[in-house]
Amino acid sequence: MHTLLDVLQAILFVGIPVGVFSFLMIYFSYQKGYLSTDFELKDAFKKNNNTGSSLSRKHKKELLFLHSKWVTFGGGFYGLIALLTFLIIELTQVVNFLFSITGWQDIVALFSFDTLIAMIIDSITNMIQAIIWFTYWSEKFDTENFIVWIFIAYISYRFSEKYAMRYTVYQRKLAIEEAIEE
């Protein structure tokens, strides 16, 4: 019973968020032309790929911010979870800061040299935490079956990858059919 409850929690807290984020990132990769539906996503991140994918370090400057960070973190499942972890850490810190503002002196303190250095160091620390996301999340989720949680996240990623490709192909097919009817 405990394992079943753990699986349900993993689906709710990891599977659904990872699935939605994966779908959006991959779907917009297709929409922006970073990926081709003629090739598998896993081939797009290989060093010597012939997929025509622009999701690579070579084209990183041409990508949108989130896609660029995805490539920076290594691409694929690992890179996507690292990116999601980085975003969650950064957004949590921003929200915590906003709720800790007590007056103008807190806002003015942001423009000091010390604060700037602290923010840079904090951002680097957050990137390192994101790179080793499996240690970050194992501390956040109190579970004995952390491997199951990673497995659920991976299944969600793979499902979203396939669904994003199919949805993109369907949309293109629908657009062609509508153009023919006109």
C-alpha atoms as a PDB file:
ATOM      1  CA  MET A   1       0.000   0.000   0.000  1.00  0.00           C
ATOM      2  CA  HIS A   2       2.834   2.373   0.867  1.00  0.00           C
ATOM      3  CA  THR A   3       4.465   1.811  -2.539  1.00  0.00           C
ATOM      4  CA  LEU A   4       1.189   2.459  -4.355  1.00  0.00           C
ATOM      5  CA  LEU A   5       0.743   5.711  -2.442  1.00  0.00           C
ATOM      6  CA  ASP A   6       4.324   6.653  -3.312  1.00  0.00           C
ATOM      7  CA  VAL A   7       3.655   6.002  -7.013  1.00  0.00           C
ATOM      8  CA  LEU A   8       0.509   8.151  -6.893  1.00  0.00           C
ATOM      9  CA  GLN A   9       2.430  10.957  -5.182  1.00  0.00           C
ATOM     10  CA  ALA A  10       5.186  10.651  -7.793  1.00  0.00           C
ATOM     11  CA  ILE A  11       2.643  10.941 -10.601  1.00  0.00           C
ATOM     12  CA  LEU A  12       1.069  14.005  -8.983  1.00  0.00           C
ATOM     13  CA  PHE A  13       4.212  15.860  -7.859  1.00  0.00           C
ATOM     14  CA  VAL A  14       6.676  14.783 -10.557  1.00  0.00           C
ATOM     15  CA  GLY A  15       4.947  13.050 -13.445  1.00  0.00           C
ATOM     16  CA  ILE A  16       2.406  15.725 -14.295  1.00  0.00           C
ATOM     17  CA  PRO A  17       4.718  18.768 -13.899  1.00  0.00           C
ATOM     18  CA  VAL A  18       7.559  17.096 -15.826  1.00  0.00           C
ATOM     19  CA  GLY A  19       5.113  15.930 -18.491  1.00  0.00           C
ATOM     20  CA  VAL A  20       3.596  19.377 -18.995  1.00  0.00           C
ATOM     21  CA  PHE A  21       6.973  21.148 -18.997  1.00  0.00           C
ATOM     22  CA  SER A  22       8.449  18.549 -21.368  1.00  0.00           C
ATOM     23  CA  PHE A  23       5.519  18.828 -23.749  1.00  0.00           C
ATOM     24  CA  LEU A  24       5.754  22.621 -23.855  1.00  0.00           C
ATOM     25  CA  MET A  25       9.522  22.681 -24.388  1.00  0.00           C
ATOM     26  CA  ILE A  26       9.456  20.015 -27.089  1.00  0.00           C
ATOM     27  CA  TYR A  27       6.328  21.351 -28.778  1.00  0.00           C
ATOM     28  CA  PHE A  28       7.804  24.846 -29.039  1.00  0.00           C
ATOM     29  CA  SER A  29      11.048  23.308 -30.312  1.00  0.00           C
ATOM     30  CA  TYR A  30       9.053  21.892 -33.216  1.00  0.00           C
ATOM     31  CA  GLN A  31       7.123  25.124 -33.717  1.00  0.00           C
ATOM     32  CA  LYS A  32      10.290  27.238 -33.767  1.00  0.00           C
ATOM     33  CA  GLY A  33      11.929  24.844 -36.224  1.00  0.00           C
ATOM     34  CA  TYR A  34      14.617  23.723 -33.781  1.00  0.00           C
ATOM     35  CA  LEU A  35      13.548  20.106 -34.324  1.00  0.00           C
ATOM     36  CA  SER A  36      12.307  18.081 -37.248  1.00  0.00           C
ATOM     37  CA  THR A  37       9.528  15.525 -36.870  1.00  0.00           C
ATOM     38  CA  ASP A  38      11.507  13.294 -39.239  1.00  0.00           C
ATOM     39  CA  PHE A  39      13.955  12.348 -36.476  1.00  0.00           C
ATOM     40  CA  GLU A  40      13.808  11.177 -32.881  1.00  0.00           C
ATOM     41  CA  LEU A  41      14.436  13.822 -30.220  1.00  0.00           C
ATOM     42  CA  LYS A  42      17.235  11.770 -28.663  1.00  0.00           C
ATOM     43  CA  ASP A  43      19.215  12.086 -31.915  1.00  0.00           C
ATOM     44  CA  ALA A  44      18.991  15.891 -31.839  1.00  0.00           C
ATOM     45  CA  PHE A  45      21.373  16.217 -28.887  1.00  0.00           C
ATOM     46  CA  LYS A  46      24.107  13.923 -30.207  1.00  0.00           C
ATOM     47  CA  LYS A  47      27.389  15.632 -31.049  1.00  0.00           C
ATOM     48  CA  ASN A  48      27.512  14.555 -34.682  1.00  0.00           C
ATOM     49  CA  ASN A  49      23.831  14.594 -35.519  1.00  0.00           C
ATOM     50  CA  ASN A  50      22.542  14.791 -39.061  1.00  0.00           C
ATOM     51  CA  THR A  51      19.011  15.685 -38.067  1.00  0.00           C
ATOM     52  CA  GLY A  52      19.121  19.340 -39.001  1.00  0.00           C
ATOM     53  CA  SER A  53      18.351  20.141 -35.373  1.00  0.00           C
ATOM     54  CA  SER A  54      19.412  23.530 -34.107  1.00  0.00           C
ATOM     55  CA  LEU A  55      19.132  22.345 -30.500  1.00  0.00           C
ATOM     56  CA  SER A  56      22.891  22.174 -30.110  1.00  0.00           C
ATOM     57  CA  ARG A  57      25.726  24.093 -28.521  1.00  0.00           C
ATOM     58  CA  LYS A  58      26.733  25.289 -31.988  1.00  0.00           C
ATOM     59  CA  HIS A  59      23.380  27.078 -32.461  1.00  0.00           C
ATOM     60  CA  LYS A  60      22.844  28.006 -28.803  1.00  0.00           C
ATOM     61  CA  LYS A  61      22.917  31.771 -29.394  1.00  0.00           C
ATOM     62  CA  GLU A  62      20.061  31.506 -31.904  1.00  0.00           C
ATOM     63  CA  LEU A  63      17.750  29.715 -29.463  1.00  0.00           C
ATOM     64  CA  LEU A  64      15.189  31.184 -27.102  1.00  0.00           C
ATOM     65  CA  PHE A  65      16.400  31.526 -23.500  1.00  0.00           C
ATOM     66  CA  LEU A  66      14.796  28.350 -22.146  1.00  0.00           C
ATOM     67  CA  HIS A  67      15.890  26.243 -25.099  1.00  0.00           C
ATOM     68  CA  SER A  68      19.411  27.642 -24.799  1.00  0.00           C
ATOM     69  CA  LYS A  69      19.518  26.678 -21.123  1.00  0.00           C
ATOM     70  CA  TRP A  70      18.168  23.217 -21.982  1.00  0.00           C
ATOM     71  CA  VAL A  71      21.122  22.736 -24.337  1.00  0.00           C
ATOM     72  CA  THR A  72      23.494  24.187 -21.718  1.00  0.00           C
ATOM     73  CA  PHE A  73      22.337  21.565 -19.231  1.00  0.00           C
ATOM     74  CA  GLY A  74      22.983  18.796 -21.754  1.00  0.00           C
ATOM     75  CA  GLY A  75      19.660  18.423 -23.544  1.00  0.00           C
ATOM     76  CA  GLY A  76      17.390  15.422 -23.383  1.00  0.00           C
ATOM     77  CA  PHE A  77      15.761  14.225 -20.182  1.00  0.00           C
ATOM     78  CA  TYR A  78      18.671  15.115 -17.911  1.00  0.00           C
ATOM     79  CA  GLY A  79      18.969  18.635 -19.305  1.00  0.00           C
ATOM     80  CA  LEU A  80      15.239  19.235 -19.149  1.00  0.00           C
ATOM     81  CA  ILE A  81      15.015  18.198 -15.492  1.00  0.00           C
ATOM     82  CA  ALA A  82      18.087  20.327 -14.728  1.00  0.00           C
ATOM     83  CA  LEU A  83      16.412  23.298 -16.436  1.00  0.00           C
ATOM     84  CA  LEU A  84      13.154  22.727 -14.559  1.00  0.00           C
ATOM     85  CA  THR A  85      15.085  22.464 -11.290  1.00  0.00           C
ATOM     86  CA  PHE A  86      16.980  25.681 -12.064  1.00  0.00           C
ATOM     87  CA  LEU A  87      13.747  27.540 -12.839  1.00  0.00           C
ATOM     88  CA  ILE A  88      12.075  26.320  -9.659  1.00  0.00           C
ATOM     89  CA  ILE A  89      15.064  27.296  -7.510  1.00  0.00           C
ATOM     90  CA  GLU A  90      15.318  30.751  -9.106  1.00  0.00           C
ATOM     91  CA  LEU A  91      11.566  31.449  -8.984  1.00  0.00           C
ATOM     92  CA  THR A  92      11.395  30.315  -5.367  1.00  0.00           C
ATOM     93  CA  GLN A  93      14.162  32.745  -4.474  1.00  0.00           C
ATOM     94  CA  VAL A  94      12.483  35.610  -6.327  1.00  0.00           C
ATOM     95  CA  VAL A  95       9.161  34.947  -4.583  1.00  0.00           C
ATOM     96  CA  ASN A  96      10.886  34.671  -1.200  1.00  0.00           C
ATOM     97  CA  PHE A  97      12.647  37.975  -1.844  1.00  0.00           C
ATOM     98  CA  LEU A  98       9.435  39.726  -2.859  1.00  0.00           C
ATOM     99  CA  PHE A  99       7.707  38.558   0.303  1.00  0.00           C
ATOM    100  CA  SER A 100      10.650  39.643   2.450  1.00  0.00           C
ATOM    101  CA  ILE A 101      10.605  43.278   1.295  1.00  0.00           C
ATOM    102  CA  THR A 102       9.760  45.450   4.267  1.00  0.00           C
ATOM    103  CA  GLY A 103      10.575  48.852   2.851  1.00  0.00           C
ATOM    104  CA  TRP A 104      12.478  50.972   0.366  1.00  0.00           C
ATOM    105  CA  GLN A 105      15.784  50.169   2.034  1.00  0.00           C
ATOM    106  CA  ASP A 106      15.462  46.543   0.856  1.00  0.00           C
ATOM    107  CA  ILE A 107      14.959  47.678  -2.733  1.00  0.00           C
ATOM    108  CA  VAL A 108      17.794  50.227  -2.557  1.00  0.00           C
ATOM    109  CA  ALA A 109      20.100  47.532  -1.127  1.00  0.00           C
ATOM    110  CA  LEU A 110      19.673  45.618  -4.395  1.00  0.00           C
ATOM    111  CA  PHE A 111      21.793  48.180  -6.189  1.00  0.00           C
ATOM    112  CA  SER A 112      24.889  47.676  -4.039  1.00  0.00           C
ATOM    113  CA  PHE A 113      28.048  45.970  -5.283  1.00  0.00           C
ATOM    114  CA  ASP A 114      27.834  43.355  -2.513  1.00  0.00           C
ATOM    115  CA  THR A 115      24.324  42.387  -3.570  1.00  0.00           C
ATOM    116  CA  LEU A 116      25.392  42.071  -7.197  1.00  0.00           C
ATOM    117  CA  ILE A 117      28.278  39.752  -6.259  1.00  0.00           C
ATOM    118  CA  ALA A 118      25.985  37.731  -3.984  1.00  0.00           C
ATOM    119  CA  MET A 119      23.437  37.345  -6.802  1.00  0.00           C
ATOM    120  CA  ILE A 120      26.115  36.104  -9.221  1.00  0.00           C
ATOM    121  CA  ILE A 121      27.427  33.592  -6.684  1.00  0.00           C
ATOM    122  CA  ASP A 122      23.872  32.528  -5.881  1.00  0.00           C
ATOM    123  CA  SER A 123      23.081  32.003  -9.552  1.00  0.00           C
ATOM    124  CA  ILE A 124      26.198  29.855 -10.007  1.00  0.00           C
ATOM    125  CA  THR A 125      25.254  27.849  -6.921  1.00  0.00           C
ATOM    126  CA  ASN A 126      21.749  27.384  -8.317  1.00  0.00           C
ATOM    127  CA  MET A 127      23.169  26.151 -11.629  1.00  0.00           C
ATOM    128  CA  ILE A 128      25.307  23.609  -9.791  1.00  0.00           C
ATOM    129  CA  GLN A 129      22.286  22.464  -7.786  1.00  0.00           C
ATOM    130  CA  ALA A 130      20.336  22.140 -11.025  1.00  0.00           C
ATOM    131  CA  ILE A 131      23.097  20.098 -12.653  1.00  0.00           C
ATOM    132  CA  ILE A 132      23.004  17.649  -9.758  1.00  0.00           C
ATOM    133  CA  TRP A 133      19.197  17.770  -9.621  1.00  0.00           C
ATOM    134  CA  PHE A 134      18.882  14.211  -8.342  1.00  0.00           C
ATOM    135  CA  THR A 135      20.497  15.256  -5.047  1.00  0.00           C
ATOM    136  CA  TYR A 136      18.423  18.449  -4.851  1.00  0.00           C
ATOM    137  CA  TRP A 137      15.098  16.649  -5.310  1.00  0.00           C
ATOM    138  CA  SER A 138      15.981  13.727  -3.053  1.00  0.00           C
ATOM    139  CA  GLU A 139      16.243  16.273  -0.227  1.00  0.00           C
ATOM    140  CA  LYS A 140      12.927  17.929  -1.154  1.00  0.00           C
ATOM    141  CA  PHE A 141      10.804  14.794  -1.461  1.00  0.00           C
ATOM    142  CA  ASP A 142      10.655  12.568   1.581  1.00  0.00           C
ATOM    143  CA  THR A 143      10.351   9.166  -0.051  1.00  0.00           C
ATOM    144  CA  GLU A 144      11.984   5.785   0.254  1.00  0.00           C
ATOM    145  CA  ASN A 145      11.398   5.081  -3.447  1.00  0.00           C
ATOM    146  CA  PHE A 146      13.208   7.998  -5.075  1.00  0.00           C
ATOM    147  CA  ILE A 147      14.204   5.789  -8.023  1.00  0.00           C
ATOM    148  CA  VAL A 148      10.491   5.251  -8.707  1.00  0.00           C
ATOM    149  CA  TRP A 149      10.029   9.032  -8.771  1.00  0.00           C
ATOM    150  CA  ILE A 150      12.844   9.416 -11.315  1.00  0.00           C
ATOM    151  CA  PHE A 151      11.358   6.587 -13.370  1.00  0.00           C
ATOM    152  CA  ILE A 152       7.921   8.279 -13.343  1.00  0.00           C
ATOM    153  CA  ALA A 153       9.543  11.566 -14.413  1.00  0.00           C
ATOM    154  CA  TYR A 154      11.323   9.781 -17.263  1.00  0.00           C
ATOM    155  CA  ILE A 155       8.145   8.053 -18.428  1.00  0.00           C
ATOM    156  CA  SER A 156       6.358  11.431 -18.382  1.00  0.00           C
ATOM    157  CA  TYR A 157       9.177  12.973 -20.406  1.00  0.00           C
ATOM    158  CA  ARG A 158       9.099  10.187 -23.017  1.00  0.00           C
ATOM    159  CA  PHE A 159       5.307  10.292 -23.256  1.00  0.00           C
ATOM    160  CA  SER A 160       5.375  14.079 -23.695  1.00  0.00           C
ATOM    161  CA  GLU A 161       8.113  13.783 -26.307  1.00  0.00           C
ATOM    162  CA  LYS A 162       6.015  11.389 -28.396  1.00  0.00           C
ATOM    163  CA  TYR A 163       2.807  13.352 -27.879  1.00  0.00           C
ATOM    164  CA  ALA A 164       4.443  16.680 -28.829  1.00  0.00           C
ATOM    165  CA  MET A 165       5.725  15.139 -32.049  1.00  0.00           C
ATOM    166  CA  ARG A 166       2.365  13.564 -32.893  1.00  0.00           C
ATOM    167  CA  TYR A 167       0.494  16.754 -32.076  1.00  0.00           C
ATOM    168  CA  THR A 168       2.844  18.789 -34.277  1.00  0.00           C
ATOM    169  CA  VAL A 169       2.437  16.337 -37.166  1.00  0.00           C
ATOM    170  CA  TYR A 170      -1.350  16.417 -36.684  1.00  0.00           C
ATOM    171  CA  GLN A 171      -1.421  20.235 -36.709  1.00  0.00           C
ATOM    172  CA  ARG A 172       0.640  20.376 -39.891  1.00  0.00           C
ATOM    173  CA  LYS A 173      -1.545  17.771 -41.568  1.00  0.00           C
ATOM    174  CA  LEU A 174      -4.657  19.695 -40.549  1.00  0.00           C
ATOM    175  CA  ALA A 175      -3.207  22.947 -41.936  1.00  0.00           C
ATOM    176  CA  ILE A 176      -2.440  21.237 -45.257  1.00  0.00           C
ATOM    177  CA  GLU A 177      -5.949  19.786 -45.455  1.00  0.00           C
ATOM    178  CA  GLU A 178      -7.478  23.203 -44.730  1.00  0.00           C
ATOM    179  CA  ALA A 179      -5.284  24.811 -47.395  1.00  0.00           C
ATOM    180  CA  ILE A 180      -6.372  22.199 -49.938  1.00  0.00           C
ATOM    181  CA  GLU A 181     -10.056  22.767 -49.132  1.00  0.00           C
ATOM    182  CA  GLU A 182      -9.735  26.511 -49.782  1.00  0.00           C
END
